[in-house]
Amino acid sequence: MARQRNAKMASALAARGITGTELARRTGLSRGTITAVLNKRVVPTVVTRDMIADALGVTVKYLWPGMET
C-alpha cells in the first residue's frame, strides 16, 4: 500500500528547503507531530494547522482545504 502524504505540505517544505526537523524547530512542535501530520496519520488541531501554515508561509486553506475553521 502506498504511503499517504500531505502533498501540499511536502511541496511547501521542498520549495522552501525546509526539513521536517527545521519545521518542528520553527513551530515548537515535536518532530513526531510534524511527521504524523505530513504522513496523514493524525488530523492536526486548529492550533497545529495554524502554526505549520504560518511557518511555511502559506494558508491553512492551501494545506488543508475545507479545514480552515
PDB file of N, CA and C in Angstrom:
ATOM      1  N   MET A   1       0.849  -1.186   0.000  1.00  0.00           N
ATOM      2  CA  MET A   1       0.000   0.000   0.000  1.00  0.00           C
ATOM      3  C   MET A   1       0.889   1.242   0.000  1.00  0.00           C
ATOM      4  N   ALA A   2       0.538   2.195  -0.856  1.00  0.00           N
ATOM      5  CA  ALA A   2       1.323   3.426  -0.955  1.00  0.00           C
ATOM      6  C   ALA A   2       1.114   4.287   0.280  1.00  0.00           C
ATOM      7  N   ARG A   3       2.159   4.916   0.684  1.00  0.00           N
ATOM      8  CA  ARG A   3       2.106   5.804   1.853  1.00  0.00           C
ATOM      9  C   ARG A   3       1.398   7.097   1.469  1.00  0.00           C
ATOM     10  N   GLN A   4       0.413   7.465   2.273  1.00  0.00           N
ATOM     11  CA  GLN A   4      -0.288   8.726   2.038  1.00  0.00           C
ATOM     12  C   GLN A   4       0.527   9.854   2.642  1.00  0.00           C
ATOM     13  N   ARG A   5       0.592  10.947   1.917  1.00  0.00           N
ATOM     14  CA  ARG A   5       1.287  12.140   2.421  1.00  0.00           C
ATOM     15  C   ARG A   5       0.455  13.352   2.097  1.00  0.00           C
ATOM     16  N   ASN A   6       0.654  14.373   2.855  1.00  0.00           N
ATOM     17  CA  ASN A   6       0.056  15.653   2.530  1.00  0.00           C
ATOM     18  C   ASN A   6       0.970  16.263   1.465  1.00  0.00           C
ATOM     19  N   ALA A   7       0.581  16.097   0.213  1.00  0.00           N
ATOM     20  CA  ALA A   7       1.420  16.509  -0.903  1.00  0.00           C
ATOM     21  C   ALA A   7       1.693  18.011  -0.891  1.00  0.00           C
ATOM     22  N   LYS A   8       0.707  18.803  -0.496  1.00  0.00           N
ATOM     23  CA  LYS A   8       0.911  20.248  -0.475  1.00  0.00           C
ATOM     24  C   LYS A   8       1.893  20.652   0.620  1.00  0.00           C
ATOM     25  N   MET A   9       1.816  19.988   1.755  1.00  0.00           N
ATOM     26  CA  MET A   9       2.767  20.275   2.833  1.00  0.00           C
ATOM     27  C   MET A   9       4.172  19.861   2.405  1.00  0.00           C
ATOM     28  N   ALA A  10       4.296  18.693   1.799  1.00  0.00           N
ATOM     29  CA  ALA A  10       5.600  18.224   1.317  1.00  0.00           C
ATOM     30  C   ALA A  10       6.159  19.179   0.269  1.00  0.00           C
ATOM     31  N   SER A  11       5.300  19.666  -0.614  1.00  0.00           N
ATOM     32  CA  SER A  11       5.728  20.601  -1.653  1.00  0.00           C
ATOM     33  C   SER A  11       6.186  21.927  -1.044  1.00  0.00           C
ATOM     34  N   ALA A  12       5.445  22.419  -0.055  1.00  0.00           N
ATOM     35  CA  ALA A  12       5.812  23.682   0.600  1.00  0.00           C
ATOM     36  C   ALA A  12       7.148  23.544   1.331  1.00  0.00           C
ATOM     37  N   LEU A  13       7.367  22.412   1.967  1.00  0.00           N
ATOM     38  CA  LEU A  13       8.650  22.160   2.634  1.00  0.00           C
ATOM     39  C   LEU A  13       9.786  22.174   1.611  1.00  0.00           C
ATOM     40  N   ALA A  14       9.596  21.430   0.529  1.00  0.00           N
ATOM     41  CA  ALA A  14      10.633  21.324  -0.501  1.00  0.00           C
ATOM     42  C   ALA A  14      10.909  22.674  -1.162  1.00  0.00           C
ATOM     43  N   ALA A  15       9.851  23.429  -1.454  1.00  0.00           N
ATOM     44  CA  ALA A  15      10.003  24.718  -2.122  1.00  0.00           C
ATOM     45  C   ALA A  15      10.803  25.706  -1.272  1.00  0.00           C
ATOM     46  N   ARG A  16      10.721  25.542   0.037  1.00  0.00           N
ATOM     47  CA  ARG A  16      11.423  26.449   0.946  1.00  0.00           C
ATOM     48  C   ARG A  16      12.735  25.867   1.466  1.00  0.00           C
ATOM     49  N   GLY A  17      13.021  24.648   1.053  1.00  0.00           N
ATOM     50  CA  GLY A  17      14.252  23.995   1.502  1.00  0.00           C
ATOM     51  C   GLY A  17      14.246  23.710   2.995  1.00  0.00           C
ATOM     52  N   ILE A  18      13.060  23.440   3.537  1.00  0.00           N
ATOM     53  CA  ILE A  18      12.907  23.203   4.974  1.00  0.00           C
ATOM     54  C   ILE A  18      12.696  21.711   5.218  1.00  0.00           C
ATOM     55  N   THR A  19      13.404  21.186   6.175  1.00  0.00           N
ATOM     56  CA  THR A  19      13.196  19.787   6.566  1.00  0.00           C
ATOM     57  C   THR A  19      12.099  19.720   7.630  1.00  0.00           C
ATOM     58  N   GLY A  20      11.629  18.523   7.874  1.00  0.00           N
ATOM     59  CA  GLY A  20      10.664  18.333   8.949  1.00  0.00           C
ATOM     60  C   GLY A  20      11.237  18.728  10.294  1.00  0.00           C
ATOM     61  N   THR A  21      12.502  18.448  10.485  1.00  0.00           N
ATOM     62  CA  THR A  21      13.168  18.817  11.730  1.00  0.00           C
ATOM     63  C   THR A  21      13.199  20.333  11.894  1.00  0.00           C
ATOM     64  N   GLU A  22      13.503  21.036  10.825  1.00  0.00           N
ATOM     65  CA  GLU A  22      13.526  22.504  10.875  1.00  0.00           C
ATOM     66  C   GLU A  22      12.115  23.052  11.106  1.00  0.00           C
ATOM     67  N   LEU A  23      11.126  22.456  10.470  1.00  0.00           N
ATOM     68  CA  LEU A  23       9.749  22.895  10.685  1.00  0.00           C
ATOM     69  C   LEU A  23       9.352  22.686  12.144  1.00  0.00           C
ATOM     70  N   ALA A  24       9.762  21.578  12.721  1.00  0.00           N
ATOM     71  CA  ALA A  24       9.484  21.329  14.139  1.00  0.00           C
ATOM     72  C   ALA A  24      10.123  22.414  14.998  1.00  0.00           C
ATOM     73  N   ARG A  25      11.359  22.770  14.700  1.00  0.00           N
ATOM     74  CA  ARG A  25      12.043  23.815  15.454  1.00  0.00           C
ATOM     75  C   ARG A  25      11.320  25.150  15.328  1.00  0.00           C
ATOM     76  N   ARG A  26      10.907  25.483  14.114  1.00  0.00           N
ATOM     77  CA  ARG A  26      10.252  26.774  13.871  1.00  0.00           C
ATOM     78  C   ARG A  26       8.880  26.871  14.526  1.00  0.00           C
ATOM     79  N   THR A  27       8.198  25.753  14.634  1.00  0.00           N
ATOM     80  CA  THR A  27       6.846  25.768  15.186  1.00  0.00           C
ATOM     81  C   THR A  27       6.801  25.457  16.675  1.00  0.00           C
ATOM     82  N   GLY A  28       7.840  24.804  17.181  1.00  0.00           N
ATOM     83  CA  GLY A  28       7.823  24.357  18.562  1.00  0.00           C
ATOM     84  C   GLY A  28       7.107  23.030  18.734  1.00  0.00           C
ATOM     85  N   LEU A  29       6.698  22.430  17.631  1.00  0.00           N
ATOM     86  CA  LEU A  29       6.059  21.118  17.663  1.00  0.00           C
ATOM     87  C   LEU A  29       7.139  20.042  17.639  1.00  0.00           C
ATOM     88  N   SER A  30       6.793  18.853  18.055  1.00  0.00           N
ATOM     89  CA  SER A  30       7.774  17.764  18.013  1.00  0.00           C
ATOM     90  C   SER A  30       7.961  17.282  16.580  1.00  0.00           C
ATOM     91  N   ARG A  31       9.111  16.681  16.333  1.00  0.00           N
ATOM     92  CA  ARG A  31       9.381  16.104  15.008  1.00  0.00           C
ATOM     93  C   ARG A  31       8.362  15.012  14.717  1.00  0.00           C
ATOM     94  N   GLY A  32       7.974  14.257  15.755  1.00  0.00           N
ATOM     95  CA  GLY A  32       6.969  13.205  15.588  1.00  0.00           C
ATOM     96  C   GLY A  32       5.621  13.745  15.151  1.00  0.00           C
ATOM     97  N   THR A  33       5.247  14.896  15.693  1.00  0.00           N
ATOM     98  CA  THR A  33       3.980  15.519  15.296  1.00  0.00           C
ATOM     99  C   THR A  33       4.043  15.958  13.840  1.00  0.00           C
ATOM    100  N   ILE A  34       5.141  16.584  13.448  1.00  0.00           N
ATOM    101  CA  ILE A  34       5.298  17.017  12.054  1.00  0.00           C
ATOM    102  C   ILE A  34       5.210  15.814  11.124  1.00  0.00           C
ATOM    103  N   THR A  35       5.905  14.746  11.459  1.00  0.00           N
ATOM    104  CA  THR A  35       5.892  13.537  10.627  1.00  0.00           C
ATOM    105  C   THR A  35       4.494  12.944  10.547  1.00  0.00           C
ATOM    106  N   ALA A  36       3.804  12.879  11.676  1.00  0.00           N
ATOM    107  CA  ALA A  36       2.450  12.308  11.705  1.00  0.00           C
ATOM    108  C   ALA A  36       1.481  13.134  10.860  1.00  0.00           C
ATOM    109  N   VAL A  37       1.600  14.455  10.931  1.00  0.00           N
ATOM    110  CA  VAL A  37       0.736  15.322  10.129  1.00  0.00           C
ATOM    111  C   VAL A  37       1.098  15.186   8.651  1.00  0.00           C
ATOM    112  N   LEU A  38       2.377  15.209   8.339  1.00  0.00           N
ATOM    113  CA  LEU A  38       2.828  15.082   6.948  1.00  0.00           C
ATOM    114  C   LEU A  38       2.381  13.764   6.335  1.00  0.00           C
ATOM    115  N   ASN A  39       2.424  12.696   7.113  1.00  0.00           N
ATOM    116  CA  ASN A  39       2.061  11.368   6.603  1.00  0.00           C
ATOM    117  C   ASN A  39       0.595  11.019   6.826  1.00  0.00           C
ATOM    118  N   LYS A  40      -0.197  12.020   7.218  1.00  0.00           N
ATOM    119  CA  LYS A  40      -1.639  11.882   7.402  1.00  0.00           C
ATOM    120  C   LYS A  40      -2.010  10.793   8.402  1.00  0.00           C
ATOM    121  N   ARG A  41      -1.174  10.618   9.422  1.00  0.00           N
ATOM    122  CA  ARG A  41      -1.502   9.658  10.479  1.00  0.00           C
ATOM    123  C   ARG A  41      -2.378  10.295  11.545  1.00  0.00           C
ATOM    124  N   VAL A  42      -2.375  11.624  11.616  1.00  0.00           N
ATOM    125  CA  VAL A  42      -3.228  12.352  12.548  1.00  0.00           C
ATOM    126  C   VAL A  42      -3.850  13.544  11.827  1.00  0.00           C
ATOM    127  N   VAL A  43      -4.987  13.964  12.337  1.00  0.00           N
ATOM    128  CA  VAL A  43      -5.610  15.191  11.848  1.00  0.00           C
ATOM    129  C   VAL A  43      -5.143  16.295  12.788  1.00  0.00           C
ATOM    130  N   PRO A  44      -4.465  17.290  12.258  1.00  0.00           N
ATOM    131  CA  PRO A  44      -3.920  18.335  13.132  1.00  0.00           C
ATOM    132  C   PRO A  44      -5.015  19.203  13.743  1.00  0.00           C
ATOM    133  N   THR A  45      -4.747  19.664  14.959  1.00  0.00           N
ATOM    134  CA  THR A  45      -5.671  20.587  15.616  1.00  0.00           C
ATOM    135  C   THR A  45      -5.611  21.936  14.915  1.00  0.00           C
ATOM    136  N   VAL A  46      -6.551  22.795  15.246  1.00  0.00           N
ATOM    137  CA  VAL A  46      -6.576  24.140  14.667  1.00  0.00           C
ATOM    138  C   VAL A  46      -5.267  24.862  14.966  1.00  0.00           C
ATOM    139  N   VAL A  47      -4.808  24.786  16.193  1.00  0.00           N
ATOM    140  CA  VAL A  47      -3.568  25.460  16.581  1.00  0.00           C
ATOM    141  C   VAL A  47      -2.383  24.903  15.798  1.00  0.00           C
ATOM    142  N   THR A  48      -2.300  23.594  15.685  1.00  0.00           N
ATOM    143  CA  THR A  48      -1.202  22.957  14.947  1.00  0.00           C
ATOM    144  C   THR A  48      -1.234  23.362  13.481  1.00  0.00           C
ATOM    145  N   ARG A  49      -2.418  23.366  12.878  1.00  0.00           N
ATOM    146  CA  ARG A  49      -2.546  23.784  11.467  1.00  0.00           C
ATOM    147  C   ARG A  49      -2.056  25.220  11.296  1.00  0.00           C
ATOM    148  N   ASP A  50      -2.478  26.094  12.203  1.00  0.00           N
ATOM    149  CA  ASP A  50      -2.062  27.498  12.116  1.00  0.00           C
ATOM    150  C   ASP A  50      -0.549  27.641  12.231  1.00  0.00           C
ATOM    151  N   MET A  51       0.047  26.920  13.160  1.00  0.00           N
ATOM    152  CA  MET A  51       1.494  27.007  13.373  1.00  0.00           C
ATOM    153  C   MET A  51       2.265  26.537  12.142  1.00  0.00           C
ATOM    154  N   ILE A  52       1.832  25.419  11.571  1.00  0.00           N
ATOM    155  CA  ILE A  52       2.520  24.868  10.396  1.00  0.00           C
ATOM    156  C   ILE A  52       2.355  25.803   9.202  1.00  0.00           C
ATOM    157  N   ALA A  53       1.136  26.251   8.949  1.00  0.00           N
ATOM    158  CA  ALA A  53       0.899  27.147   7.812  1.00  0.00           C
ATOM    159  C   ALA A  53       1.704  28.438   7.959  1.00  0.00           C
ATOM    160  N   ASP A  54       1.707  29.012   9.147  1.00  0.00           N
ATOM    161  CA  ASP A  54       2.477  30.244   9.375  1.00  0.00           C
ATOM    162  C   ASP A  54       3.965  30.021   9.118  1.00  0.00           C
ATOM    163  N   ALA A  55       4.503  28.924   9.627  1.00  0.00           N
ATOM    164  CA  ALA A  55       5.935  28.634   9.462  1.00  0.00           C
ATOM    165  C   ALA A  55       6.303  28.408   8.000  1.00  0.00           C
ATOM    166  N   LEU A  56       5.353  27.894   7.222  1.00  0.00           N
ATOM    167  CA  LEU A  56       5.622  27.637   5.805  1.00  0.00           C
ATOM    168  C   LEU A  56       5.240  28.820   4.911  1.00  0.00           C
ATOM    169  N   GLY A  57       4.602  29.829   5.499  1.00  0.00           N
ATOM    170  CA  GLY A  57       4.223  30.997   4.710  1.00  0.00           C
ATOM    171  C   GLY A  57       3.098  30.737   3.734  1.00  0.00           C
ATOM    172  N   VAL A  58       2.208  29.821   4.092  1.00  0.00           N
ATOM    173  CA  VAL A  58       1.053  29.502   3.254  1.00  0.00           C
ATOM    174  C   VAL A  58      -0.195  29.573   4.133  1.00  0.00           C
ATOM    175  N   THR A  59      -1.345  29.448   3.511  1.00  0.00           N
ATOM    176  CA  THR A  59      -2.589  29.468   4.275  1.00  0.00           C
ATOM    177  C   THR A  59      -2.970  28.059   4.720  1.00  0.00           C
ATOM    178  N   VAL A  60      -3.763  28.016   5.775  1.00  0.00           N
ATOM    179  CA  VAL A  60      -4.306  26.734   6.221  1.00  0.00           C
ATOM    180  C   VAL A  60      -5.161  26.141   5.105  1.00  0.00           C
ATOM    181  N   LYS A  61      -5.913  26.984   4.436  1.00  0.00           N
ATOM    182  CA  LYS A  61      -6.772  26.518   3.336  1.00  0.00           C
ATOM    183  C   LYS A  61      -5.955  25.837   2.237  1.00  0.00           C
ATOM    184  N   TYR A  62      -4.756  26.342   1.964  1.00  0.00           N
ATOM    185  CA  TYR A  62      -3.907  25.727   0.953  1.00  0.00           C
ATOM    186  C   TYR A  62      -3.492  24.321   1.395  1.00  0.00           C
ATOM    187  N   LEU A  63      -3.045  24.189   2.638  1.00  0.00           N
ATOM    188  CA  LEU A  63      -2.562  22.892   3.118  1.00  0.00           C
ATOM    189  C   LEU A  63      -3.669  21.899   3.413  1.00  0.00           C
ATOM    190  N   TRP A  64      -4.792  22.395   3.937  1.00  0.00           N
ATOM    191  CA  TRP A  64      -5.917  21.534   4.323  1.00  0.00           C
ATOM    192  C   TRP A  64      -7.218  22.147   3.849  1.00  0.00           C
ATOM    193  N   PRO A  65      -7.513  22.037   2.551  1.00  0.00           N
ATOM    194  CA  PRO A  65      -8.768  22.609   2.026  1.00  0.00           C
ATOM    195  C   PRO A  65      -9.972  22.082   2.809  1.00  0.00           C
ATOM    196  N   GLY A  66     -10.844  22.993   3.200  1.00  0.00           N
ATOM    197  CA  GLY A  66     -12.042  22.612   3.935  1.00  0.00           C
ATOM    198  C   GLY A  66     -11.850  22.541   5.437  1.00  0.00           C
ATOM    199  N   MET A  67     -10.614  22.729   5.912  1.00  0.00           N
ATOM    200  CA  MET A  67     -10.346  22.642   7.347  1.00  0.00           C
ATOM    201  C   MET A  67      -9.888  23.983   7.906  1.00  0.00           C
ATOM    202  N   GLU A  68     -10.154  25.063   7.222  1.00  0.00           N
ATOM    203  CA  GLU A  68      -9.600  26.342   7.639  1.00  0.00           C
ATOM    204  C   GLU A  68     -10.307  26.977   8.833  1.00  0.00           C
ATOM    205  N   THR A  69     -11.348  26.362   9.336  1.00  0.00           N
ATOM    206  CA  THR A  69     -12.023  26.912  10.518  1.00  0.00           C
ATOM    207  C   THR A  69     -11.730  26.102  11.733  1.00  0.00           C
TER     208      THR A  69
END
